[in-house]
Amino acid sequence: MKTSELKFQGLECVQLTDNEITGGYTSDLLSDVMAHLTEGDALITIQAHKNTVAVASLTGASAVIFCHGRNVSLDVIETAAKEKIALFVSSGSQYETTVALANALDR
């Protein structure tokens, strides 16, 4: 599924780069993300800062989804655009967002 096709209730796109999403990984510990995220995954987290985008780029994440309606600063959006990573904000929890992503990928 392309990031441009990703839609579910409570999800808002804040920076679109049309990447292929092949799975998802949910974690707030960036060292855990570096060790376990698979290239093409969407990272689901509450860590809405530039280091998250740096780790997403390092691991080959296709997108980052910030949960609980986190505010995303302009510098995070600009960094993601440079790194060609799509950014989304979900109003749901990490659990709800993970389930919604899994359901969207199963379609």
C-alpha atoms as a PDB file:
ATOM      1  CA  MET A   1       0.000   0.000   0.000  1.00  0.00           C
ATOM      2  CA  LYS A   2       1.227   3.499  -0.824  1.00  0.00           C
ATOM      3  CA  THR A   3       1.283   6.160   1.883  1.00  0.00           C
ATOM      4  CA  SER A   4      -1.087   8.218  -0.284  1.00  0.00           C
ATOM      5  CA  GLU A   5      -3.654   5.397   0.049  1.00  0.00           C
ATOM      6  CA  LEU A   6      -3.420   5.166   3.844  1.00  0.00           C
ATOM      7  CA  LYS A   7      -6.703   6.262   5.351  1.00  0.00           C
ATOM      8  CA  PHE A   8      -8.499   5.371   8.542  1.00  0.00           C
ATOM      9  CA  GLN A   9     -10.614   7.215  11.075  1.00  0.00           C
ATOM     10  CA  GLY A  10      -8.662   9.755  13.101  1.00  0.00           C
ATOM     11  CA  LEU A  11      -5.643   9.798  10.752  1.00  0.00           C
ATOM     12  CA  GLU A  12      -4.356  13.076   9.274  1.00  0.00           C
ATOM     13  CA  CYS A  13      -1.488  13.404   6.813  1.00  0.00           C
ATOM     14  CA  VAL A  14       0.885  16.266   7.650  1.00  0.00           C
ATOM     15  CA  GLN A  15       3.686  15.517   5.143  1.00  0.00           C
ATOM     16  CA  LEU A  16       3.189  13.254   2.156  1.00  0.00           C
ATOM     17  CA  THR A  17       5.891  11.412   0.335  1.00  0.00           C
ATOM     18  CA  ASP A  18       4.360   8.559  -1.618  1.00  0.00           C
ATOM     19  CA  ASN A  19       6.234   5.556  -0.228  1.00  0.00           C
ATOM     20  CA  GLU A  20       5.263   1.890  -0.066  1.00  0.00           C
ATOM     21  CA  ILE A  21       4.140   0.716   3.395  1.00  0.00           C
ATOM     22  CA  THR A  22       4.839  -2.980   3.909  1.00  0.00           C
ATOM     23  CA  GLY A  23       4.180  -3.244   7.651  1.00  0.00           C
ATOM     24  CA  GLY A  24       4.328  -1.375  10.904  1.00  0.00           C
ATOM     25  CA  TYR A  25       6.387  -1.167  14.065  1.00  0.00           C
ATOM     26  CA  THR A  26       5.169   0.395  17.305  1.00  0.00           C
ATOM     27  CA  SER A  27       7.670   1.702  19.845  1.00  0.00           C
ATOM     28  CA  ASP A  28       8.625   4.839  21.730  1.00  0.00           C
ATOM     29  CA  LEU A  29      12.175   3.700  22.447  1.00  0.00           C
ATOM     30  CA  LEU A  30      14.255   4.813  19.476  1.00  0.00           C
ATOM     31  CA  SER A  31      17.056   2.305  20.134  1.00  0.00           C
ATOM     32  CA  ASP A  32      14.408  -0.442  19.956  1.00  0.00           C
ATOM     33  CA  VAL A  33      13.202   0.994  16.647  1.00  0.00           C
ATOM     34  CA  MET A  34      16.771   0.953  15.287  1.00  0.00           C
ATOM     35  CA  ALA A  35      17.116  -2.698  16.275  1.00  0.00           C
ATOM     36  CA  HIS A  36      13.765  -4.006  15.034  1.00  0.00           C
ATOM     37  CA  LEU A  37      11.989  -1.828  12.457  1.00  0.00           C
ATOM     38  CA  THR A  38      12.020  -3.425   9.014  1.00  0.00           C
ATOM     39  CA  GLU A  39      12.559  -1.286   5.926  1.00  0.00           C
ATOM     40  CA  GLY A  40       9.190  -0.180   4.532  1.00  0.00           C
ATOM     41  CA  ASP A  41       7.453  -0.233   7.924  1.00  0.00           C
ATOM     42  CA  ALA A  42       5.485   2.704   9.258  1.00  0.00           C
ATOM     43  CA  LEU A  43       6.763   3.723  12.690  1.00  0.00           C
ATOM     44  CA  ILE A  44       3.959   4.243  15.211  1.00  0.00           C
ATOM     45  CA  THR A  45       5.025   6.360  18.200  1.00  0.00           C
ATOM     46  CA  ILE A  46       4.319   9.316  20.478  1.00  0.00           C
ATOM     47  CA  GLN A  47       7.855  10.708  20.046  1.00  0.00           C
ATOM     48  CA  ALA A  48       7.128  13.761  17.867  1.00  0.00           C
ATOM     49  CA  HIS A  49      10.599  15.228  17.381  1.00  0.00           C
ATOM     50  CA  LYS A  50      13.414  15.376  14.827  1.00  0.00           C
ATOM     51  CA  ASN A  51      15.313  12.424  16.339  1.00  0.00           C
ATOM     52  CA  THR A  52      12.342  10.216  15.484  1.00  0.00           C
ATOM     53  CA  VAL A  53      12.590  11.268  11.844  1.00  0.00           C
ATOM     54  CA  ALA A  54      16.357  10.638  11.916  1.00  0.00           C
ATOM     55  CA  VAL A  55      15.805   7.104  13.218  1.00  0.00           C
ATOM     56  CA  ALA A  56      13.033   6.543  10.677  1.00  0.00           C
ATOM     57  CA  SER A  57      15.428   7.570   7.916  1.00  0.00           C
ATOM     58  CA  LEU A  58      18.229   5.394   9.285  1.00  0.00           C
ATOM     59  CA  THR A  59      16.000   2.313   9.412  1.00  0.00           C
ATOM     60  CA  GLY A  60      14.224   2.835   6.085  1.00  0.00           C
ATOM     61  CA  ALA A  61      10.782   3.569   7.519  1.00  0.00           C
ATOM     62  CA  SER A  62       8.265   4.665   4.908  1.00  0.00           C
ATOM     63  CA  ALA A  63       6.241   6.791   7.320  1.00  0.00           C
ATOM     64  CA  VAL A  64       5.924   7.921  10.906  1.00  0.00           C
ATOM     65  CA  ILE A  65       2.545   8.019  12.604  1.00  0.00           C
ATOM     66  CA  PHE A  66       2.414  10.150  15.759  1.00  0.00           C
ATOM     67  CA  CYS A  67      -0.343   9.027  18.137  1.00  0.00           C
ATOM     68  CA  HIS A  68      -2.626  10.743  20.655  1.00  0.00           C
ATOM     69  CA  GLY A  69      -2.986  13.757  18.346  1.00  0.00           C
ATOM     70  CA  ARG A  70       0.573  14.931  19.002  1.00  0.00           C
ATOM     71  CA  ASN A  71       1.478  18.330  17.581  1.00  0.00           C
ATOM     72  CA  VAL A  72       4.157  18.155  14.913  1.00  0.00           C
ATOM     73  CA  SER A  73       6.481  21.145  14.670  1.00  0.00           C
ATOM     74  CA  LEU A  74       7.495  22.712  11.380  1.00  0.00           C
ATOM     75  CA  ASP A  75      11.124  21.596  11.792  1.00  0.00           C
ATOM     76  CA  VAL A  76       9.998  17.965  12.096  1.00  0.00           C
ATOM     77  CA  ILE A  77       7.863  18.310   8.954  1.00  0.00           C
ATOM     78  CA  GLU A  78      10.713  19.934   7.028  1.00  0.00           C
ATOM     79  CA  THR A  79      13.169  17.242   8.133  1.00  0.00           C
ATOM     80  CA  ALA A  80      10.766  14.493   7.080  1.00  0.00           C
ATOM     81  CA  ALA A  81      10.281  16.135   3.681  1.00  0.00           C
ATOM     82  CA  LYS A  82      14.060  16.234   3.135  1.00  0.00           C
ATOM     83  CA  GLU A  83      14.343  12.578   4.159  1.00  0.00           C
ATOM     84  CA  LYS A  84      11.329  11.610   2.008  1.00  0.00           C
ATOM     85  CA  ILE A  85       9.342  10.202   4.931  1.00  0.00           C
ATOM     86  CA  ALA A  86       5.577  10.618   5.139  1.00  0.00           C
ATOM     87  CA  LEU A  87       4.181  11.949   8.423  1.00  0.00           C
ATOM     88  CA  PHE A  88       0.758  11.321   9.886  1.00  0.00           C
ATOM     89  CA  VAL A  89      -0.981  12.216  13.134  1.00  0.00           C
ATOM     90  CA  SER A  90      -3.474   9.795  14.634  1.00  0.00           C
ATOM     91  CA  SER A  91      -6.009  10.783  17.268  1.00  0.00           C
ATOM     92  CA  GLY A  92      -5.915   7.209  18.580  1.00  0.00           C
ATOM     93  CA  SER A  93      -3.602   5.450  20.988  1.00  0.00           C
ATOM     94  CA  GLN A  94      -0.649   3.401  19.793  1.00  0.00           C
ATOM     95  CA  TYR A  95      -2.750   0.252  20.140  1.00  0.00           C
ATOM     96  CA  GLU A  96      -5.697   1.680  18.189  1.00  0.00           C
ATOM     97  CA  THR A  97      -3.385   3.044  15.497  1.00  0.00           C
ATOM     98  CA  THR A  98      -1.482  -0.227  15.183  1.00  0.00           C
ATOM     99  CA  VAL A  99      -4.726  -2.161  14.740  1.00  0.00           C
ATOM    100  CA  ALA A 100      -6.030   0.371  12.215  1.00  0.00           C
ATOM    101  CA  LEU A 101      -2.795   0.164  10.199  1.00  0.00           C
ATOM    102  CA  ALA A 102      -2.874  -3.634  10.264  1.00  0.00           C
ATOM    103  CA  ASN A 103      -6.480  -3.605   9.047  1.00  0.00           C
ATOM    104  CA  ALA A 104      -5.662  -1.120   6.292  1.00  0.00           C
ATOM    105  CA  LEU A 105      -2.752  -3.256   5.097  1.00  0.00           C
ATOM    106  CA  ASP A 106      -4.933  -6.392   5.057  1.00  0.00           C
ATOM    107  CA  ARG A 107      -7.397  -4.858   2.570  1.00  0.00           C
END
